Amino acid sequence: MNASPGRLSHPWIIGAGRTGLAMGLRLHRDGAVDRLTVTGRRPSAPDHPLFGEPGVAYRPAMDGVPEGIGGIVIAVPDGAIGEVADRLASLHPSPELPVLHTSGSRSMDVLAPLSARGHAVGSAHPLAAISDPVDGADRLSGVSWGVEGDGAALDLAERIVAACGGRVLRIAPGGKPAYHAAAVFASNYAVALLSVAEGLMEQAGVHARDARPALTALAAGAVENVAARGPVAALTGPILRGDVETVALHLERLSAAERPLYCLLGREALRLARLAGIDPAAAARLADLLGGAE
């Protein structure tokens, strides 16, 4: 990449889904690119504010390599990355072009057809919940990115992160599955847990329209405490207090489907509580309760 720090020289984004369009819009809004090419499966550009902007082009098929590009970003579903890499290799782009993908779970090895042709390869995955290709551009501002690669690919990844005002998280070789599992716990499973909590509130007679803002505010406060103090100091609740009676009351009330989840998470909370200095006798009673409940 022959761009100044914080700028990119005409990236080619392959994939016109949520991640690819949100990334393109973020880079364009931040003035990080003068030119940008996006390739998607639709015969014409999707309805998105990125298209129609000066310097932005849409290509409906991978029928050739756009002229003047400085790097390639593959932003397609995980299962399609290998197919795109094979197709790209058959187009014979200049080996000087670095290639990234945006998958959180796949390593850069999935780009082997391109690395075999001399391309520097890597990946850059935003730790952001992108559910919309327009609003997602805002979510990309200032987030952390899981990055791997070397040479020109690492440089391209770091330029993208810098252009978005983000932070680089360097992933060790072979670390992608653990990295992505961590992201799933922090994001997808947090959503799943809030769904369970909302259902329990409804059982308690609280309508979802009232429960949802209350629970999300509670969860946001817990997240802020973890950010400020770490998990051990941020832990609150009956397990930290060694309140065996309250935990037993919860387990008695929960359904057969809910109880194992409560116990699984309770055992992790108990691990943190032990680090925080919970009374050993109370910890032992809680361990029996959480370990034996079905």
Protein backbone atom coordinates (compact mmCIF):
# COMPACT_ATOMS: atom_id res chain seq x y z
CA MET A 1 0.00 0.00 0.00
CA ASN A 2 1.49 3.31 -1.04
CA ALA A 3 -0.81 5.42 1.08
CA SER A 4 0.04 7.85 3.83
CA PRO A 5 -0.66 6.70 7.40
CA GLY A 6 -4.38 6.52 8.08
CA ARG A 7 -5.28 6.43 4.38
CA LEU A 8 -5.83 3.58 1.93
CA SER A 9 -5.06 3.48 -1.76
CA HIS A 10 -8.23 2.35 -3.56
CA PRO A 11 -9.32 -0.78 -1.68
CA TRP A 12 -11.46 -3.39 -3.44
CA ILE A 13 -14.10 -4.84 -1.11
CA ILE A 14 -15.53 -8.14 -2.32
CA GLY A 15 -18.87 -8.66 -0.62
CA ALA A 16 -21.79 -6.23 -0.49
CA GLY A 17 -23.33 -7.52 2.73
CA ARG A 18 -23.53 -5.91 6.15
CA THR A 19 -19.81 -5.98 6.95
CA GLY A 20 -18.50 -4.97 3.53
CA LEU A 21 -20.93 -2.08 3.11
CA ALA A 22 -20.54 -0.85 6.69
CA MET A 23 -16.75 -0.92 6.33
CA GLY A 24 -16.87 0.89 2.99
CA LEU A 25 -19.19 3.55 4.37
CA ARG A 26 -17.04 4.04 7.48
CA LEU A 27 -13.86 4.46 5.41
CA HIS A 28 -15.57 6.84 2.98
CA ARG A 29 -17.15 8.96 5.73
CA ASP A 30 -13.79 9.27 7.46
CA GLY A 31 -12.11 10.44 4.25
CA ALA A 32 -9.73 7.47 4.35
CA VAL A 33 -10.24 6.62 0.66
CA ASP A 34 -10.41 8.66 -2.51
CA ARG A 35 -11.61 5.66 -4.51
CA LEU A 36 -13.40 2.48 -3.50
CA THR A 37 -14.69 -0.47 -5.49
CA VAL A 38 -17.28 -2.90 -4.11
CA THR A 39 -18.24 -6.18 -5.75
CA GLY A 40 -21.48 -7.96 -4.91
CA ARG A 41 -23.76 -10.64 -6.31
CA ARG A 42 -26.59 -8.30 -7.33
CA PRO A 43 -26.73 -7.10 -10.95
CA SER A 44 -26.91 -3.50 -9.70
CA ALA A 45 -25.72 -1.65 -6.62
CA PRO A 46 -27.88 -2.19 -3.52
CA ASP A 47 -29.84 0.67 -2.02
CA HIS A 48 -27.15 2.06 0.27
CA PRO A 49 -25.79 5.58 0.88
CA LEU A 50 -22.29 4.50 -0.15
CA PHE A 51 -23.29 4.23 -3.80
CA GLY A 52 -23.65 7.49 -5.63
CA GLU A 53 -20.80 9.00 -3.63
CA PRO A 54 -17.88 10.31 -5.71
CA GLY A 55 -15.12 7.78 -6.24
CA VAL A 56 -17.26 4.76 -5.28
CA ALA A 57 -17.88 2.09 -7.92
CA TYR A 58 -19.97 -1.08 -7.87
CA ARG A 59 -19.10 -4.19 -9.87
CA PRO A 60 -21.74 -6.92 -10.13
CA ALA A 61 -19.34 -9.80 -10.73
CA MET A 62 -15.74 -10.90 -10.26
CA ASP A 63 -15.01 -10.79 -13.98
CA GLY A 64 -11.71 -8.99 -13.67
CA VAL A 65 -9.48 -7.00 -11.34
CA PRO A 66 -10.36 -3.29 -11.05
CA GLU A 67 -7.64 -0.96 -12.26
CA GLY A 68 -5.54 0.94 -9.77
CA ILE A 69 -6.51 -0.96 -6.61
CA GLY A 70 -4.08 -1.04 -3.70
CA GLY A 71 -5.49 -3.93 -1.68
CA ILE A 72 -8.31 -6.47 -1.51
CA VAL A 73 -10.73 -7.11 1.35
CA ILE A 74 -12.92 -10.23 1.17
CA ALA A 75 -16.06 -9.57 3.22
CA VAL A 76 -18.23 -12.59 2.37
CA PRO A 77 -19.74 -15.32 4.59
CA ASP A 78 -17.13 -17.64 6.07
CA GLY A 79 -18.09 -20.60 3.91
CA ALA A 80 -17.58 -18.60 0.71
CA ILE A 81 -14.09 -17.24 1.45
CA GLY A 82 -12.26 -20.21 -0.07
CA GLU A 83 -14.35 -20.04 -3.23
CA VAL A 84 -13.65 -16.32 -3.58
CA ALA A 85 -9.95 -16.90 -2.99
CA ASP A 86 -9.88 -19.53 -5.75
CA ARG A 87 -11.73 -17.19 -8.11
CA LEU A 88 -9.38 -14.33 -7.31
CA ALA A 89 -6.33 -16.49 -7.93
CA SER A 90 -7.73 -17.40 -11.36
CA LEU A 91 -7.90 -13.69 -12.25
CA HIS A 92 -4.14 -13.34 -11.67
CA PRO A 93 -4.07 -10.03 -9.78
CA SER A 94 -0.64 -8.55 -9.17
CA PRO A 95 1.12 -10.52 -6.40
CA GLU A 96 2.02 -7.16 -4.85
CA LEU A 97 -1.62 -6.69 -3.81
CA PRO A 98 -2.27 -7.65 -0.16
CA VAL A 99 -5.45 -9.61 0.55
CA LEU A 100 -7.49 -9.70 3.77
CA HIS A 101 -10.68 -11.38 4.83
CA THR A 102 -13.00 -10.17 7.59
CA SER A 103 -13.97 -13.50 9.18
CA GLY A 104 -13.64 -13.81 12.92
CA SER A 105 -13.31 -17.60 12.98
CA ARG A 106 -11.26 -18.45 9.88
CA SER A 107 -7.50 -18.02 9.88
CA MET A 108 -5.59 -16.52 7.00
CA ASP A 109 -4.83 -20.09 5.83
CA VAL A 110 -8.15 -20.03 3.95
CA LEU A 111 -6.43 -17.61 1.55
CA ALA A 112 -3.79 -20.22 0.63
CA PRO A 113 -4.55 -20.07 -3.13
CA LEU A 114 -3.49 -16.43 -3.04
CA SER A 115 -0.51 -16.78 -0.73
CA ALA A 116 0.74 -19.51 -3.08
CA ARG A 117 0.81 -16.88 -5.82
CA GLY A 118 2.93 -14.54 -3.71
CA HIS A 119 0.24 -12.35 -2.13
CA ALA A 120 0.65 -11.18 1.46
CA VAL A 121 -2.50 -12.37 3.24
CA GLY A 122 -4.18 -11.78 6.56
CA SER A 123 -7.47 -11.00 8.26
CA ALA A 124 -9.09 -8.08 10.03
CA HIS A 125 -12.26 -8.77 12.01
CA PRO A 126 -14.17 -5.96 13.75
CA LEU A 127 -15.38 -6.71 17.27
CA ALA A 128 -18.71 -5.04 16.60
CA ALA A 129 -22.27 -6.31 16.34
CA ILE A 130 -23.08 -5.25 12.78
CA SER A 131 -26.74 -6.01 12.17
CA ASP A 132 -27.34 -3.29 9.57
CA PRO A 133 -25.13 -2.19 6.63
CA VAL A 134 -25.80 1.51 7.29
CA ASP A 135 -25.92 1.80 11.09
CA GLY A 136 -23.02 -0.65 11.18
CA ALA A 137 -20.74 2.12 9.90
CA ASP A 138 -21.26 3.96 13.19
CA ARG A 139 -20.56 0.79 15.18
CA LEU A 140 -17.20 0.44 13.42
CA SER A 141 -16.01 3.79 14.75
CA GLY A 142 -13.43 3.24 17.48
CA VAL A 143 -13.88 -0.53 17.89
CA SER A 144 -11.18 -3.14 18.38
CA TRP A 145 -10.23 -5.46 15.50
CA GLY A 146 -8.77 -8.94 15.63
CA VAL A 147 -5.85 -8.86 13.19
CA GLU A 148 -3.42 -11.41 11.80
CA GLY A 149 -1.04 -11.36 8.86
CA ASP A 150 2.34 -10.04 7.92
CA GLY A 151 4.03 -7.68 5.52
CA ALA A 152 1.74 -5.68 3.27
CA ALA A 153 -1.37 -7.51 4.52
CA LEU A 154 -0.69 -6.52 8.11
CA ASP A 155 -0.04 -2.97 6.92
CA LEU A 156 -3.39 -2.92 5.09
CA ALA A 157 -5.19 -4.28 8.15
CA GLU A 158 -3.61 -1.71 10.45
CA ARG A 159 -4.49 1.12 8.03
CA ILE A 160 -8.13 0.03 8.02
CA VAL A 161 -8.19 -0.08 11.81
CA ALA A 162 -6.47 3.32 12.08
CA ALA A 163 -8.87 4.84 9.54
CA CYS A 164 -11.79 3.67 11.69
CA GLY A 165 -10.17 5.09 14.83
CA GLY A 166 -9.90 1.57 16.23
CA ARG A 167 -7.49 -0.60 18.17
CA VAL A 168 -5.54 -3.61 16.88
CA LEU A 169 -5.74 -6.93 18.73
CA ARG A 170 -2.94 -9.13 17.37
CA ILE A 171 -4.03 -12.77 17.27
CA ALA A 172 -1.43 -15.50 17.79
CA PRO A 173 -1.06 -18.21 15.12
CA GLY A 174 -3.82 -20.77 15.59
CA GLY A 175 -5.72 -18.46 17.93
CA LYS A 176 -8.67 -17.59 15.68
CA PRO A 177 -11.15 -20.20 17.07
CA ALA A 178 -10.57 -19.10 20.68
CA TYR A 179 -10.72 -15.43 19.65
CA HIS A 180 -14.03 -15.91 17.88
CA ALA A 181 -15.49 -18.01 20.71
CA ALA A 182 -14.65 -15.13 23.05
CA ALA A 183 -16.51 -12.75 20.76
CA VAL A 184 -19.52 -15.07 20.67
CA PHE A 185 -19.64 -15.25 24.47
CA ALA A 186 -19.41 -11.46 24.79
CA SER A 187 -21.94 -10.63 22.08
CA ASN A 188 -24.20 -13.39 20.79
CA TYR A 189 -24.54 -15.20 24.10
CA ALA A 190 -25.13 -11.93 25.92
CA VAL A 191 -28.12 -11.46 23.63
CA ALA A 192 -29.26 -15.03 24.36
CA LEU A 193 -28.96 -14.45 28.11
CA LEU A 194 -30.98 -11.25 27.90
CA SER A 195 -33.65 -13.21 26.05
CA VAL A 196 -33.77 -15.71 28.93
CA ALA A 197 -33.91 -12.85 31.45
CA GLU A 198 -36.75 -11.20 29.53
CA GLY A 199 -38.70 -14.45 29.57
CA LEU A 200 -38.27 -14.76 33.33
CA MET A 201 -39.46 -11.19 33.79
CA GLU A 202 -42.60 -12.05 31.83
CA GLN A 203 -43.13 -15.04 34.15
CA ALA A 204 -42.92 -12.55 37.00
CA GLY A 205 -45.67 -10.50 35.41
CA VAL A 206 -43.50 -7.75 33.89
CA HIS A 207 -44.30 -7.04 30.24
CA ALA A 208 -41.42 -7.16 27.76
CA ARG A 209 -41.88 -3.46 26.87
CA ASP A 210 -41.02 -2.62 30.47
CA ALA A 211 -38.58 -5.44 31.16
CA ARG A 212 -36.37 -4.87 28.14
CA PRO A 213 -35.13 -1.34 28.93
CA ALA A 214 -34.67 -2.28 32.58
CA LEU A 215 -32.64 -5.40 31.80
CA THR A 216 -30.51 -3.82 29.10
CA ALA A 217 -29.67 -0.92 31.43
CA LEU A 218 -28.71 -3.43 34.13
CA ALA A 219 -26.53 -5.35 31.67
CA ALA A 220 -24.93 -2.14 30.39
CA GLY A 221 -24.00 -1.19 33.95
CA ALA A 222 -22.40 -4.59 34.52
CA VAL A 223 -20.41 -4.24 31.29
CA GLU A 224 -19.24 -0.77 32.31
CA ASN A 225 -18.09 -2.15 35.66
CA VAL A 226 -16.11 -4.92 33.96
CA ALA A 227 -14.50 -2.35 31.65
CA ALA A 228 -13.53 -0.17 34.60
CA ARG A 229 -12.58 -2.77 37.21
CA GLY A 230 -12.31 -6.23 35.65
CA PRO A 231 -14.58 -9.29 36.14
CA VAL A 232 -13.62 -10.15 39.73
CA ALA A 233 -14.25 -6.67 41.14
CA ALA A 234 -17.35 -6.18 38.96
CA LEU A 235 -19.15 -9.29 40.21
CA THR A 236 -22.23 -8.64 42.35
CA GLY A 237 -25.22 -10.73 43.43
CA PRO A 238 -26.11 -13.70 45.63
CA ILE A 239 -23.17 -15.92 44.70
CA LEU A 240 -20.64 -13.25 45.63
CA ARG A 241 -22.51 -12.77 48.93
CA GLY A 242 -22.54 -16.52 49.59
CA ASP A 243 -26.35 -16.40 49.70
CA VAL A 244 -27.12 -20.11 49.36
CA GLU A 245 -30.81 -19.68 50.21
CA THR A 246 -31.44 -17.23 47.36
CA VAL A 247 -29.64 -19.40 44.83
CA ALA A 248 -31.67 -22.41 45.99
CA LEU A 249 -34.84 -20.36 45.59
CA HIS A 250 -33.86 -19.49 42.03
CA LEU A 251 -33.18 -23.11 41.15
CA GLU A 252 -36.48 -24.21 42.62
CA ARG A 253 -38.35 -21.70 40.45
CA LEU A 254 -36.47 -22.21 37.17
CA SER A 255 -37.65 -24.64 34.52
CA ALA A 256 -35.81 -27.82 33.57
CA ALA A 257 -34.44 -26.00 30.50
CA GLU A 258 -33.32 -22.90 32.41
CA ARG A 259 -31.73 -24.60 35.41
CA PRO A 260 -28.64 -26.10 33.69
CA LEU A 261 -27.78 -22.73 32.13
CA TYR A 262 -28.11 -20.99 35.50
CA CYS A 263 -25.86 -23.62 37.11
CA LEU A 264 -23.24 -23.43 34.37
CA LEU A 265 -22.95 -19.68 34.65
CA GLY A 266 -23.25 -19.90 38.42
CA ARG A 267 -20.15 -22.07 38.60
CA GLU A 268 -18.18 -19.45 36.67
CA ALA A 269 -19.55 -16.74 38.97
CA LEU A 270 -18.47 -18.89 41.92
CA ARG A 271 -14.94 -19.10 40.50
CA LEU A 272 -14.83 -15.31 40.40
CA ALA A 273 -16.35 -15.08 43.86
CA ARG A 274 -13.59 -17.30 45.25
CA LEU A 275 -11.01 -14.97 43.73
CA ALA A 276 -12.87 -12.08 45.38
CA GLY A 277 -12.63 -13.78 48.80
CA ILE A 278 -16.01 -15.44 49.39
CA ASP A 279 -16.34 -17.39 52.66
CA PRO A 280 -14.99 -20.91 51.92
CA ALA A 281 -17.85 -22.65 53.72
CA ALA A 282 -20.45 -20.74 51.71
CA ALA A 283 -18.50 -21.44 48.54
CA ALA A 284 -18.57 -25.16 49.29
CA ARG A 285 -22.33 -25.15 49.82
CA LEU A 286 -22.85 -23.21 46.60
CA ALA A 287 -20.59 -25.62 44.71
CA ASP A 288 -22.73 -28.56 45.89
CA LEU A 289 -25.90 -26.76 44.90
CA LEU A 290 -24.71 -25.60 41.48
CA GLY A 291 -22.91 -28.80 40.62
CA GLY A 292 -25.73 -31.16 41.53
CA ALA A 293 -28.77 -29.39 40.11
CA GLU A 294 -30.16 -30.80 36.90
